[in-house]
N, C-alpha and C. Protein backbone atom coordinates (compact mmCIF):
# COMPACT_ATOMS: atom_id res chain seq x y z
N MET A 1 34.66 97.25 292.11
CA MET A 1 33.50 97.95 291.55
C MET A 1 33.75 99.45 291.63
N PRO A 2 33.61 100.16 290.52
CA PRO A 2 33.85 101.61 290.54
C PRO A 2 32.78 102.34 291.32
N ASP A 3 33.13 103.56 291.72
CA ASP A 3 32.14 104.39 292.39
C ASP A 3 30.99 104.67 291.43
N PRO A 4 29.75 104.70 291.90
CA PRO A 4 28.62 104.97 291.01
C PRO A 4 28.63 106.40 290.52
N LEU A 5 28.01 106.59 289.38
CA LEU A 5 27.87 107.92 288.83
C LEU A 5 26.79 108.68 289.58
N CYS A 6 26.79 110.00 289.41
CA CYS A 6 25.79 110.85 290.04
C CYS A 6 24.77 111.29 288.98
N LEU A 7 23.50 111.19 289.31
CA LEU A 7 22.42 111.56 288.41
C LEU A 7 21.89 112.93 288.79
N LEU A 8 21.89 113.86 287.84
CA LEU A 8 21.40 115.21 288.06
C LEU A 8 20.10 115.38 287.28
N PHE A 9 18.99 115.52 287.98
CA PHE A 9 17.67 115.62 287.35
C PHE A 9 17.20 117.07 287.29
N ASP A 10 16.72 117.47 286.13
CA ASP A 10 15.89 118.68 286.04
C ASP A 10 14.58 118.39 286.77
N CYS A 11 13.78 119.43 287.03
CA CYS A 11 12.52 119.24 287.74
C CYS A 11 11.31 119.39 286.81
N ASP A 12 11.01 120.61 286.37
CA ASP A 12 9.82 120.87 285.57
C ASP A 12 9.90 120.18 284.22
N GLY A 13 8.92 119.33 283.93
CA GLY A 13 8.89 118.64 282.66
C GLY A 13 9.73 117.38 282.62
N THR A 14 10.56 117.19 283.61
CA THR A 14 11.38 115.98 283.71
C THR A 14 10.85 115.08 284.81
N LEU A 15 10.67 115.65 286.01
CA LEU A 15 10.14 114.90 287.14
C LEU A 15 8.66 115.16 287.36
N VAL A 16 8.25 116.41 287.21
CA VAL A 16 6.86 116.78 287.49
C VAL A 16 6.23 117.44 286.27
N ASP A 17 4.93 117.21 286.09
CA ASP A 17 4.21 117.71 284.92
C ASP A 17 3.69 119.11 285.19
N SER A 18 4.60 120.03 285.42
CA SER A 18 4.24 121.38 285.83
C SER A 18 4.15 122.36 284.66
N GLU A 19 4.68 122.00 283.51
CA GLU A 19 4.81 123.00 282.46
C GLU A 19 3.48 123.49 281.89
N PRO A 20 2.47 122.64 281.66
CA PRO A 20 1.18 123.18 281.20
C PRO A 20 0.57 124.17 282.20
N LEU A 21 0.67 123.85 283.50
CA LEU A 21 0.15 124.75 284.52
C LEU A 21 0.95 126.04 284.56
N LEU A 22 2.27 125.93 284.52
CA LEU A 22 3.12 127.12 284.53
C LEU A 22 2.84 127.99 283.31
N ALA A 23 2.68 127.37 282.15
CA ALA A 23 2.41 128.13 280.92
C ALA A 23 1.10 128.91 281.03
N GLU A 24 0.07 128.28 281.59
CA GLU A 24 -1.23 128.94 281.75
C GLU A 24 -1.11 130.15 282.68
N ILE A 25 -0.45 129.96 283.82
CA ILE A 25 -0.34 131.04 284.80
C ILE A 25 0.57 132.15 284.27
N MET A 26 1.66 131.78 283.62
CA MET A 26 2.57 132.78 283.07
C MET A 26 1.86 133.64 282.04
N ALA A 27 1.09 133.02 281.16
CA ALA A 27 0.36 133.79 280.14
C ALA A 27 -0.61 134.76 280.79
N LYS A 28 -1.28 134.33 281.83
CA LYS A 28 -2.25 135.17 282.53
C LYS A 28 -1.61 136.48 282.99
N TYR A 29 -0.47 136.39 283.65
CA TYR A 29 0.12 137.59 284.24
C TYR A 29 0.92 138.41 283.22
N LEU A 30 1.51 137.77 282.25
CA LEU A 30 2.18 138.55 281.20
C LEU A 30 1.17 139.35 280.40
N ASN A 31 0.01 138.76 280.10
CA ASN A 31 -1.03 139.49 279.38
C ASN A 31 -1.56 140.65 280.21
N GLN A 32 -1.70 140.43 281.52
CA GLN A 32 -2.14 141.53 282.40
C GLN A 32 -1.18 142.71 282.33
N ALA A 33 0.10 142.41 282.13
CA ALA A 33 1.11 143.48 282.06
C ALA A 33 1.23 144.07 280.66
N GLY A 34 0.45 143.54 279.70
CA GLY A 34 0.48 144.09 278.36
C GLY A 34 1.48 143.42 277.43
N LEU A 35 2.00 142.26 277.82
CA LEU A 35 2.94 141.53 276.98
C LEU A 35 2.21 140.33 276.36
N PRO A 36 1.96 140.35 275.06
CA PRO A 36 1.22 139.26 274.42
C PRO A 36 1.96 137.92 274.59
N PHE A 37 1.23 136.93 275.07
CA PHE A 37 1.85 135.63 275.35
C PHE A 37 0.75 134.61 275.53
N GLN A 38 0.90 133.48 274.84
CA GLN A 38 -0.05 132.38 274.95
C GLN A 38 0.62 131.19 275.62
N PRO A 39 -0.15 130.36 276.32
CA PRO A 39 0.46 129.19 276.97
C PRO A 39 1.30 128.35 276.01
N ASN A 40 0.84 128.22 274.77
CA ASN A 40 1.59 127.41 273.81
C ASN A 40 2.94 128.02 273.46
N ASP A 41 3.08 129.35 273.64
CA ASP A 41 4.36 129.99 273.38
C ASP A 41 5.44 129.44 274.31
N TYR A 42 5.05 129.23 275.57
CA TYR A 42 6.02 128.67 276.51
C TYR A 42 6.38 127.24 276.12
N LEU A 43 5.37 126.45 275.77
CA LEU A 43 5.59 125.03 275.50
C LEU A 43 6.37 124.80 274.22
N THR A 44 6.29 125.74 273.26
CA THR A 44 6.98 125.54 271.99
C THR A 44 8.27 126.33 271.86
N GLU A 45 8.44 127.41 272.62
CA GLU A 45 9.60 128.27 272.42
C GLU A 45 10.47 128.49 273.66
N PHE A 46 9.88 128.39 274.85
CA PHE A 46 10.61 128.85 276.03
C PHE A 46 10.73 127.80 277.13
N ARG A 47 10.47 126.55 276.84
CA ARG A 47 10.49 125.55 277.91
C ARG A 47 11.84 125.52 278.60
N GLY A 48 11.77 125.59 279.94
CA GLY A 48 12.98 125.54 280.74
C GLY A 48 13.70 126.85 280.91
N ALA A 49 13.25 127.89 280.19
CA ALA A 49 13.94 129.18 280.26
C ALA A 49 13.61 129.92 281.55
N ARG A 50 14.52 130.75 281.96
CA ARG A 50 14.31 131.61 283.13
C ARG A 50 13.21 132.62 282.83
N PHE A 51 12.34 132.87 283.81
CA PHE A 51 11.24 133.81 283.61
C PHE A 51 11.76 135.18 283.21
N ALA A 52 12.82 135.65 283.83
CA ALA A 52 13.37 136.97 283.50
C ALA A 52 13.83 137.02 282.05
N SER A 53 14.33 135.92 281.52
CA SER A 53 14.76 135.89 280.12
C SER A 53 13.57 135.97 279.18
N ILE A 54 12.47 135.32 279.56
CA ILE A 54 11.25 135.39 278.75
C ILE A 54 10.71 136.82 278.73
N VAL A 55 10.66 137.45 279.89
CA VAL A 55 10.18 138.83 279.98
C VAL A 55 11.07 139.75 279.14
N SER A 56 12.38 139.60 279.25
CA SER A 56 13.30 140.44 278.48
C SER A 56 13.07 140.29 276.98
N HIS A 57 12.85 139.06 276.54
CA HIS A 57 12.57 138.82 275.12
C HIS A 57 11.30 139.53 274.69
N LEU A 58 10.25 139.41 275.49
CA LEU A 58 8.98 140.06 275.15
C LEU A 58 9.09 141.58 275.20
N GLU A 59 9.87 142.08 276.14
CA GLU A 59 10.05 143.54 276.23
C GLU A 59 10.74 144.09 274.99
N ARG A 60 11.67 143.33 274.44
CA ARG A 60 12.34 143.80 273.22
C ARG A 60 11.36 143.91 272.06
N LEU A 61 10.32 143.09 272.08
CA LEU A 61 9.33 143.10 271.00
C LEU A 61 8.20 144.09 271.25
N HIS A 62 7.82 144.28 272.51
CA HIS A 62 6.58 145.00 272.81
C HIS A 62 6.76 146.20 273.74
N GLY A 63 7.96 146.48 274.17
CA GLY A 63 8.17 147.63 275.04
C GLY A 63 8.49 147.23 276.47
N ARG A 64 9.30 148.03 277.11
CA ARG A 64 9.81 147.72 278.44
C ARG A 64 8.75 147.98 279.52
N LEU A 65 8.69 147.08 280.50
CA LEU A 65 7.81 147.25 281.65
C LEU A 65 8.50 148.08 282.72
N GLU A 66 7.71 148.76 283.53
CA GLU A 66 8.28 149.40 284.71
C GLU A 66 8.74 148.32 285.68
N ASP A 67 9.79 148.62 286.42
CA ASP A 67 10.35 147.63 287.34
C ASP A 67 9.30 147.14 288.33
N SER A 68 8.45 148.06 288.81
CA SER A 68 7.44 147.68 289.79
C SER A 68 6.42 146.71 289.18
N VAL A 69 6.09 146.90 287.91
CA VAL A 69 5.15 146.00 287.24
C VAL A 69 5.78 144.63 287.04
N ARG A 70 7.03 144.62 286.61
CA ARG A 70 7.73 143.35 286.41
C ARG A 70 7.79 142.56 287.71
N GLN A 71 8.11 143.24 288.80
CA GLN A 71 8.21 142.55 290.09
C GLN A 71 6.84 142.07 290.56
N ARG A 72 5.81 142.88 290.32
CA ARG A 72 4.47 142.51 290.77
C ARG A 72 3.96 141.26 290.05
N ILE A 73 4.15 141.20 288.73
CA ILE A 73 3.61 140.05 288.02
C ILE A 73 4.39 138.77 288.34
N GLU A 74 5.69 138.90 288.57
CA GLU A 74 6.46 137.70 288.92
C GLU A 74 6.04 137.18 290.29
N THR A 75 5.85 138.10 291.24
CA THR A 75 5.42 137.69 292.58
C THR A 75 4.05 137.03 292.53
N ALA A 76 3.12 137.63 291.79
CA ALA A 76 1.77 137.07 291.69
C ALA A 76 1.78 135.72 290.98
N MET A 77 2.56 135.62 289.92
CA MET A 77 2.65 134.36 289.17
C MET A 77 3.18 133.24 290.06
N ARG A 78 4.24 133.51 290.79
CA ARG A 78 4.84 132.47 291.63
C ARG A 78 3.92 132.10 292.79
N GLN A 79 3.17 133.06 293.31
CA GLN A 79 2.25 132.76 294.40
C GLN A 79 1.12 131.86 293.92
N GLU A 80 0.55 132.16 292.77
CA GLU A 80 -0.52 131.31 292.25
C GLU A 80 0.00 129.91 291.93
N MET A 81 1.19 129.84 291.35
CA MET A 81 1.78 128.54 291.06
C MET A 81 2.00 127.74 292.33
N HIS A 82 2.49 128.41 293.36
CA HIS A 82 2.74 127.76 294.65
C HIS A 82 1.45 127.17 295.22
N GLU A 83 0.36 127.91 295.12
CA GLU A 83 -0.91 127.46 295.67
C GLU A 83 -1.52 126.32 294.86
N ARG A 84 -1.43 126.41 293.54
CA ARG A 84 -2.11 125.42 292.70
C ARG A 84 -1.34 124.10 292.59
N MET A 85 -0.05 124.13 292.83
CA MET A 85 0.73 122.90 292.72
C MET A 85 0.24 121.82 293.67
N VAL A 86 -0.25 122.22 294.84
CA VAL A 86 -0.66 121.24 295.85
C VAL A 86 -1.73 120.31 295.32
N ASP A 87 -2.72 120.86 294.62
CA ASP A 87 -3.85 120.07 294.16
C ASP A 87 -3.75 119.62 292.71
N GLU A 88 -2.96 120.29 291.90
CA GLU A 88 -2.98 120.04 290.45
C GLU A 88 -1.73 119.37 289.89
N LEU A 89 -0.66 119.32 290.67
CA LEU A 89 0.60 118.81 290.14
C LEU A 89 0.70 117.31 290.31
N VAL A 90 1.20 116.64 289.27
CA VAL A 90 1.42 115.19 289.31
C VAL A 90 2.80 114.91 288.76
N PRO A 91 3.36 113.73 289.08
CA PRO A 91 4.65 113.37 288.48
C PRO A 91 4.49 113.09 286.99
N ILE A 92 5.57 113.26 286.25
CA ILE A 92 5.61 112.79 284.87
C ILE A 92 5.42 111.28 284.88
N ALA A 93 4.68 110.77 283.91
CA ALA A 93 4.42 109.33 283.84
C ALA A 93 5.72 108.53 283.87
N GLY A 94 5.75 107.54 284.75
CA GLY A 94 6.90 106.65 284.83
C GLY A 94 8.00 107.10 285.76
N VAL A 95 7.91 108.33 286.28
CA VAL A 95 9.00 108.84 287.12
C VAL A 95 9.15 108.08 288.43
N PRO A 96 8.08 107.87 289.21
CA PRO A 96 8.29 107.13 290.48
C PRO A 96 8.88 105.74 290.26
N GLU A 97 8.40 105.07 289.23
CA GLU A 97 8.92 103.72 288.95
C GLU A 97 10.39 103.77 288.56
N ALA A 98 10.76 104.75 287.73
CA ALA A 98 12.16 104.87 287.30
C ALA A 98 13.07 105.19 288.47
N LEU A 99 12.66 106.13 289.31
CA LEU A 99 13.49 106.50 290.46
C LEU A 99 13.64 105.32 291.41
N ASP A 100 12.58 104.58 291.59
CA ASP A 100 12.65 103.41 292.46
C ASP A 100 13.60 102.36 291.87
N ALA A 101 13.55 102.16 290.57
CA ALA A 101 14.41 101.16 289.92
C ALA A 101 15.88 101.56 289.95
N LEU A 102 16.16 102.85 290.06
CA LEU A 102 17.55 103.32 290.09
C LEU A 102 18.19 103.11 291.45
N GLY A 103 17.42 102.63 292.40
CA GLY A 103 17.97 102.23 293.69
C GLY A 103 18.73 103.32 294.41
N ALA A 104 19.95 102.98 294.84
CA ALA A 104 20.72 103.88 295.71
C ALA A 104 21.70 104.76 294.95
N LEU A 105 21.59 104.82 293.64
CA LEU A 105 22.50 105.69 292.90
C LEU A 105 22.39 107.13 293.41
N PRO A 106 23.51 107.80 293.65
CA PRO A 106 23.45 109.20 294.09
C PRO A 106 22.70 110.04 293.07
N ARG A 107 21.83 110.90 293.56
CA ARG A 107 21.07 111.75 292.64
C ARG A 107 20.68 113.05 293.33
N CYS A 108 20.42 114.06 292.49
CA CYS A 108 19.99 115.36 293.00
C CYS A 108 19.08 115.99 291.96
N VAL A 109 18.45 117.10 292.35
CA VAL A 109 17.66 117.91 291.43
C VAL A 109 18.40 119.22 291.20
N ALA A 110 18.54 119.61 289.94
CA ALA A 110 19.19 120.87 289.59
C ALA A 110 18.29 121.59 288.59
N SER A 111 17.65 122.67 289.04
CA SER A 111 16.58 123.30 288.26
C SER A 111 16.79 124.80 288.14
N ASN A 112 16.29 125.37 287.05
CA ASN A 112 16.29 126.82 286.87
C ASN A 112 15.30 127.52 287.79
N GLY A 113 14.40 126.78 288.42
CA GLY A 113 13.37 127.39 289.27
C GLY A 113 13.89 127.76 290.64
N PRO A 114 13.14 128.61 291.37
CA PRO A 114 13.50 128.95 292.75
C PRO A 114 13.44 127.71 293.64
N GLU A 115 14.23 127.70 294.69
CA GLU A 115 14.30 126.52 295.55
C GLU A 115 12.95 126.20 296.19
N ALA A 116 12.21 127.22 296.62
CA ALA A 116 10.91 126.96 297.25
C ALA A 116 9.96 126.27 296.27
N LYS A 117 10.02 126.63 295.00
CA LYS A 117 9.17 126.01 293.98
C LYS A 117 9.58 124.56 293.76
N ILE A 118 10.87 124.29 293.72
CA ILE A 118 11.35 122.91 293.53
C ILE A 118 10.87 122.04 294.68
N ARG A 119 11.06 122.53 295.90
CA ARG A 119 10.66 121.74 297.06
C ARG A 119 9.15 121.51 297.09
N ARG A 120 8.40 122.53 296.75
CA ARG A 120 6.94 122.40 296.71
C ARG A 120 6.53 121.35 295.69
N ALA A 121 7.18 121.37 294.53
CA ALA A 121 6.84 120.42 293.48
C ALA A 121 7.14 118.99 293.92
N LEU A 122 8.30 118.78 294.53
CA LEU A 122 8.66 117.43 294.97
C LEU A 122 7.76 116.96 296.11
N ASP A 123 7.45 117.86 297.02
CA ASP A 123 6.57 117.49 298.14
C ASP A 123 5.15 117.18 297.64
N SER A 124 4.66 117.99 296.70
CA SER A 124 3.28 117.83 296.22
C SER A 124 3.09 116.53 295.46
N THR A 125 4.15 116.04 294.85
CA THR A 125 4.04 114.83 294.02
C THR A 125 4.60 113.59 294.70
N GLY A 126 5.04 113.72 295.95
CA GLY A 126 5.55 112.57 296.67
C GLY A 126 6.93 112.10 296.24
N LEU A 127 7.69 112.97 295.55
CA LEU A 127 9.00 112.58 295.04
C LEU A 127 10.16 113.03 295.94
N ARG A 128 9.84 113.79 296.97
CA ARG A 128 10.91 114.38 297.80
C ARG A 128 11.81 113.30 298.41
N GLY A 129 11.23 112.17 298.80
CA GLY A 129 12.00 111.13 299.45
C GLY A 129 13.10 110.54 298.59
N PHE A 130 12.97 110.67 297.27
CA PHE A 130 14.01 110.16 296.37
C PHE A 130 15.25 111.05 296.36
N PHE A 131 15.12 112.30 296.85
CA PHE A 131 16.21 113.25 296.74
C PHE A 131 16.63 113.87 298.07
N GLY A 132 15.80 113.81 299.07
CA GLY A 132 16.14 114.44 300.34
C GLY A 132 16.37 115.93 300.15
N ASP A 133 17.50 116.40 300.68
CA ASP A 133 17.83 117.82 300.55
C ASP A 133 18.85 118.08 299.45
N HIS A 134 19.03 117.13 298.56
CA HIS A 134 19.97 117.32 297.44
C HIS A 134 19.26 118.08 296.33
N ILE A 135 19.03 119.36 296.57
CA ILE A 135 18.26 120.23 295.68
C ILE A 135 19.10 121.47 295.38
N TYR A 136 19.23 121.79 294.10
CA TYR A 136 20.05 122.92 293.68
C TYR A 136 19.24 123.82 292.75
N SER A 137 19.16 125.08 293.11
CA SER A 137 18.40 126.06 292.35
C SER A 137 19.34 127.05 291.67
N ALA A 138 19.03 127.40 290.43
CA ALA A 138 19.81 128.41 289.73
C ALA A 138 19.78 129.75 290.47
N TYR A 139 18.67 130.01 291.17
CA TYR A 139 18.57 131.27 291.91
C TYR A 139 19.54 131.30 293.10
N THR A 140 19.83 130.16 293.66
CA THR A 140 20.78 130.07 294.77
C THR A 140 22.21 130.10 294.25
N VAL A 141 22.44 129.37 293.18
CA VAL A 141 23.79 129.26 292.62
C VAL A 141 24.18 130.53 291.86
N GLY A 142 23.19 131.19 291.25
CA GLY A 142 23.47 132.39 290.46
C GLY A 142 23.88 132.08 289.04
N SER A 143 23.46 130.93 288.52
CA SER A 143 23.77 130.55 287.14
C SER A 143 22.58 129.78 286.59
N TRP A 144 22.08 130.21 285.43
CA TRP A 144 20.88 129.61 284.84
C TRP A 144 21.25 128.87 283.56
N LYS A 145 20.62 127.70 283.37
CA LYS A 145 20.77 127.01 282.09
C LYS A 145 20.28 127.95 280.97
N PRO A 146 20.96 127.98 279.82
CA PRO A 146 21.91 127.00 279.29
C PRO A 146 23.36 127.17 279.71
N ALA A 147 23.67 128.12 280.61
CA ALA A 147 25.03 128.17 281.15
C ALA A 147 25.28 126.90 281.98
N PRO A 148 26.52 126.42 282.04
CA PRO A 148 26.79 125.16 282.72
C PRO A 148 26.96 125.27 284.23
N GLY A 149 26.95 126.49 284.77
CA GLY A 149 27.32 126.69 286.17
C GLY A 149 26.49 125.92 287.17
N LEU A 150 25.17 125.83 286.94
CA LEU A 150 24.31 125.13 287.90
C LEU A 150 24.69 123.66 287.99
N PHE A 151 24.86 123.00 286.85
CA PHE A 151 25.21 121.58 286.86
C PHE A 151 26.61 121.37 287.43
N LEU A 152 27.54 122.25 287.10
CA LEU A 152 28.90 122.11 287.63
C LEU A 152 28.90 122.24 289.14
N HIS A 153 28.14 123.21 289.66
CA HIS A 153 28.06 123.39 291.12
C HIS A 153 27.42 122.17 291.77
N ALA A 154 26.31 121.70 291.21
CA ALA A 154 25.61 120.57 291.81
C ALA A 154 26.48 119.32 291.82
N GLY A 155 27.13 119.03 290.71
CA GLY A 155 28.00 117.86 290.67
C GLY A 155 29.14 117.95 291.65
N ARG A 156 29.76 119.12 291.72
CA ARG A 156 30.87 119.33 292.65
C ARG A 156 30.42 119.18 294.09
N ASP A 157 29.26 119.78 294.41
CA ASP A 157 28.77 119.70 295.78
C ASP A 157 28.38 118.28 296.17
N MET A 158 27.96 117.50 295.19
CA MET A 158 27.63 116.09 295.44
C MET A 158 28.88 115.21 295.53
N GLY A 159 30.04 115.79 295.17
CA GLY A 159 31.30 115.08 295.29
C GLY A 159 31.75 114.36 294.03
N PHE A 160 31.30 114.82 292.85
CA PHE A 160 31.60 114.13 291.60
C PHE A 160 32.19 115.09 290.58
N GLU A 161 33.10 114.56 289.77
CA GLU A 161 33.64 115.29 288.63
C GLU A 161 32.60 115.32 287.51
N PRO A 162 32.69 116.31 286.61
CA PRO A 162 31.72 116.36 285.50
C PRO A 162 31.63 115.07 284.70
N ALA A 163 32.76 114.42 284.46
CA ALA A 163 32.75 113.19 283.67
C ALA A 163 32.01 112.06 284.36
N ASP A 164 31.78 112.19 285.66
CA ASP A 164 31.08 111.16 286.43
C ASP A 164 29.63 111.53 286.71
N CYS A 165 29.12 112.52 285.98
CA CYS A 165 27.74 112.96 286.16
C CYS A 165 26.92 112.69 284.90
N ILE A 166 25.67 112.32 285.11
CA ILE A 166 24.71 112.16 284.02
C ILE A 166 23.53 113.07 284.31
N VAL A 167 23.22 113.96 283.38
CA VAL A 167 22.10 114.88 283.51
C VAL A 167 20.89 114.28 282.80
N ILE A 168 19.74 114.37 283.45
CA ILE A 168 18.48 113.97 282.83
C ILE A 168 17.61 115.22 282.73
N ASP A 169 17.33 115.66 281.52
CA ASP A 169 16.63 116.94 281.31
C ASP A 169 15.74 116.82 280.08
N ASP A 170 14.60 117.53 280.11
CA ASP A 170 13.66 117.46 279.00
C ASP A 170 13.76 118.63 278.04
N ALA A 171 14.48 119.70 278.40
CA ALA A 171 14.48 120.92 277.61
C ALA A 171 15.85 121.16 276.97
N GLN A 172 15.82 121.85 275.83
CA GLN A 172 17.06 122.13 275.12
C GLN A 172 18.03 122.94 275.97
N VAL A 173 17.51 123.87 276.77
CA VAL A 173 18.42 124.68 277.59
C VAL A 173 19.21 123.80 278.56
N GLY A 174 18.56 122.77 279.10
CA GLY A 174 19.24 121.87 280.02
C GLY A 174 20.21 120.95 279.31
N VAL A 175 19.83 120.47 278.14
CA VAL A 175 20.72 119.61 277.36
C VAL A 175 21.99 120.38 277.00
N ARG A 176 21.83 121.62 276.55
CA ARG A 176 23.00 122.43 276.19
C ARG A 176 23.88 122.71 277.40
N ALA A 177 23.24 122.96 278.55
CA ALA A 177 24.01 123.22 279.77
C ALA A 177 24.82 122.00 280.18
N ALA A 178 24.22 120.82 280.08
CA ALA A 178 24.92 119.60 280.46
C ALA A 178 26.11 119.34 279.55
N LEU A 179 25.92 119.50 278.25
CA LEU A 179 27.01 119.28 277.32
C LEU A 179 28.13 120.30 277.54
N ALA A 180 27.76 121.56 277.82
CA ALA A 180 28.77 122.58 278.09
C ALA A 180 29.54 122.29 279.37
N ALA A 181 28.90 121.58 280.30
CA ALA A 181 29.55 121.23 281.56
C ALA A 181 30.45 120.00 281.42
N GLY A 182 30.44 119.37 280.26
CA GLY A 182 31.24 118.18 280.06
C GLY A 182 30.63 116.94 280.69
N MET A 183 29.31 116.94 280.83
CA MET A 183 28.59 115.82 281.42
C MET A 183 27.85 115.04 280.35
N ARG A 184 27.58 113.79 280.62
CA ARG A 184 26.70 113.03 279.75
C ARG A 184 25.26 113.47 280.01
N VAL A 185 24.42 113.34 279.00
CA VAL A 185 23.05 113.84 279.15
C VAL A 185 22.07 112.87 278.50
N VAL A 186 20.99 112.61 279.23
CA VAL A 186 19.85 111.87 278.71
C VAL A 186 18.73 112.88 278.48
N HIS A 187 18.32 113.01 277.22
CA HIS A 187 17.28 113.97 276.86
C HIS A 187 15.94 113.24 276.83
N ILE A 188 15.08 113.52 277.81
CA ILE A 188 13.73 112.96 277.80
C ILE A 188 12.91 113.83 276.86
N ASN A 189 12.81 113.40 275.63
CA ASN A 189 12.29 114.24 274.55
C ASN A 189 10.87 113.83 274.18
N ARG A 190 9.91 114.61 274.67
CA ARG A 190 8.51 114.34 274.35
C ARG A 190 8.02 115.19 273.18
N PHE A 191 8.90 116.05 272.64
CA PHE A 191 8.54 116.90 271.50
C PHE A 191 9.60 116.77 270.41
N PRO A 192 9.82 115.56 269.90
CA PRO A 192 10.92 115.36 268.95
C PRO A 192 10.77 116.16 267.66
N ASP A 193 9.55 116.50 267.27
CA ASP A 193 9.36 117.29 266.06
C ASP A 193 9.79 118.74 266.25
N LEU A 194 9.76 119.20 267.50
CA LEU A 194 10.13 120.59 267.80
C LEU A 194 11.55 120.70 268.31
N GLU A 195 12.03 119.69 269.00
CA GLU A 195 13.33 119.78 269.67
C GLU A 195 14.15 118.52 269.39
N PRO A 196 14.77 118.42 268.24
CA PRO A 196 15.61 117.25 267.99
C PRO A 196 16.75 117.17 268.99
N SER A 197 17.06 115.98 269.42
CA SER A 197 18.14 115.80 270.39
C SER A 197 19.50 115.93 269.70
N PRO A 198 20.46 116.63 270.31
CA PRO A 198 21.80 116.68 269.73
C PRO A 198 22.41 115.28 269.65
N SER A 199 23.31 115.11 268.72
CA SER A 199 23.92 113.80 268.53
C SER A 199 24.68 113.34 269.77
N GLU A 200 25.14 114.29 270.59
CA GLU A 200 25.90 113.93 271.79
C GLU A 200 25.02 113.45 272.93
N ALA A 201 23.72 113.66 272.81
CA ALA A 201 22.79 113.29 273.88
C ALA A 201 22.16 111.93 273.59
N ILE A 202 21.76 111.25 274.65
CA ILE A 202 20.99 110.01 274.54
C ILE A 202 19.52 110.38 274.64
N GLU A 203 18.75 110.04 273.62
CA GLU A 203 17.33 110.41 273.61
C GLU A 203 16.46 109.27 274.10
N ILE A 204 15.54 109.59 275.00
CA ILE A 204 14.48 108.67 275.36
C ILE A 204 13.16 109.41 275.24
N ARG A 205 12.06 108.68 275.12
CA ARG A 205 10.74 109.30 274.97
C ARG A 205 9.88 109.09 276.21
N ASP A 206 10.30 108.22 277.11
CA ASP A 206 9.50 107.86 278.28
C ASP A 206 10.46 107.62 279.45
N MET A 207 10.12 108.14 280.62
CA MET A 207 11.02 107.99 281.77
C MET A 207 11.21 106.54 282.19
N ARG A 208 10.29 105.68 281.79
CA ARG A 208 10.45 104.26 282.13
C ARG A 208 11.64 103.63 281.40
N GLU A 209 12.15 104.32 280.37
CA GLU A 209 13.33 103.85 279.65
C GLU A 209 14.63 104.15 280.40
N LEU A 210 14.57 105.06 281.37
CA LEU A 210 15.79 105.58 281.98
C LEU A 210 16.64 104.52 282.69
N PRO A 211 16.08 103.66 283.53
CA PRO A 211 16.95 102.70 284.24
C PRO A 211 17.80 101.85 283.31
N ALA A 212 17.24 101.40 282.19
CA ALA A 212 18.01 100.58 281.25
C ALA A 212 19.14 101.39 280.62
N VAL A 213 18.88 102.68 280.33
CA VAL A 213 19.92 103.54 279.77
C VAL A 213 21.05 103.73 280.77
N ILE A 214 20.71 104.01 282.01
CA ILE A 214 21.73 104.20 283.04
C ILE A 214 22.51 102.91 283.24
N ASP A 215 21.83 101.80 283.21
CA ASP A 215 22.49 100.50 283.38
C ASP A 215 23.55 100.30 282.30
N LYS A 216 23.26 100.71 281.07
CA LYS A 216 24.22 100.57 279.98
C LYS A 216 25.40 101.51 280.14
N LEU A 217 25.15 102.69 280.74
CA LEU A 217 26.22 103.66 280.91
C LEU A 217 27.19 103.25 282.02
N ILE A 218 26.71 102.46 282.96
CA ILE A 218 27.58 101.97 284.04
C ILE A 218 27.46 100.45 284.09
N PRO A 219 28.03 99.75 283.12
CA PRO A 219 27.82 98.31 283.01
C PRO A 219 28.32 97.53 284.21
N ALA A 220 29.23 98.09 285.00
CA ALA A 220 29.73 97.36 286.17
C ALA A 220 28.71 97.33 287.30
N LEU A 221 27.66 98.17 287.16
CA LEU A 221 26.66 98.23 288.21
C LEU A 221 25.36 97.63 287.72
N ALA A 222 24.82 96.67 288.42
CA ALA A 222 23.51 96.14 288.10
C ALA A 222 22.49 97.01 288.80
N VAL A 223 21.97 98.00 288.10
CA VAL A 223 21.12 99.01 288.72
C VAL A 223 19.95 98.39 289.45
N GLY A 224 19.34 97.39 288.86
CA GLY A 224 18.16 96.81 289.46
C GLY A 224 18.45 96.08 290.75
N ASN A 225 19.72 95.78 291.03
CA ASN A 225 20.06 95.03 292.25
C ASN A 225 20.65 95.90 293.34
N LEU A 226 20.70 97.23 293.11
CA LEU A 226 21.28 98.10 294.13
C LEU A 226 20.39 98.13 295.37
């Protein structure tokens, strides 16, 4: 029996339903700083993107912020998100069942978010036990999707070559990063009209589909019997 593959999960929008909350809070503080932004802008144009990249894009359109203002709004945004996640955050539908069905397959979380936010999200939704301390943040690694560095680092640290890794991500930036890393990718695509999946990716619409997809990718392993 071959060694099992390693599963690399995105966090926001893949494991936890944080994006509507994040979009609301982000819009609040960007507007306070004078940068026009609506929650739907995040959901339709910037899902999965680094906050600094979103700010830079808006600054090119509306004028540059002072460094102190930029730092203040990011700190305030992250603090409010940290506080509200405890009571308002839930897992994406089907995630606990899918993770449970995947049994003992090696897995980790690799996210563009700060490590404290990832841990808070997993703790708040009861998903931390599925991953333990196998958590990788772009802020720690110093590489943000769509660059492949985060996934390459996570796979290497988990002890796997890129060809032996499968990325599960809901955003185009993550899909592009996985493909650039030479990894297989499952695109959990809940917005197919806005974000068509690349031909190289496997598209699913519901996380409950994931165990069967993984089972097909590693036919020597009966995932449900692990």
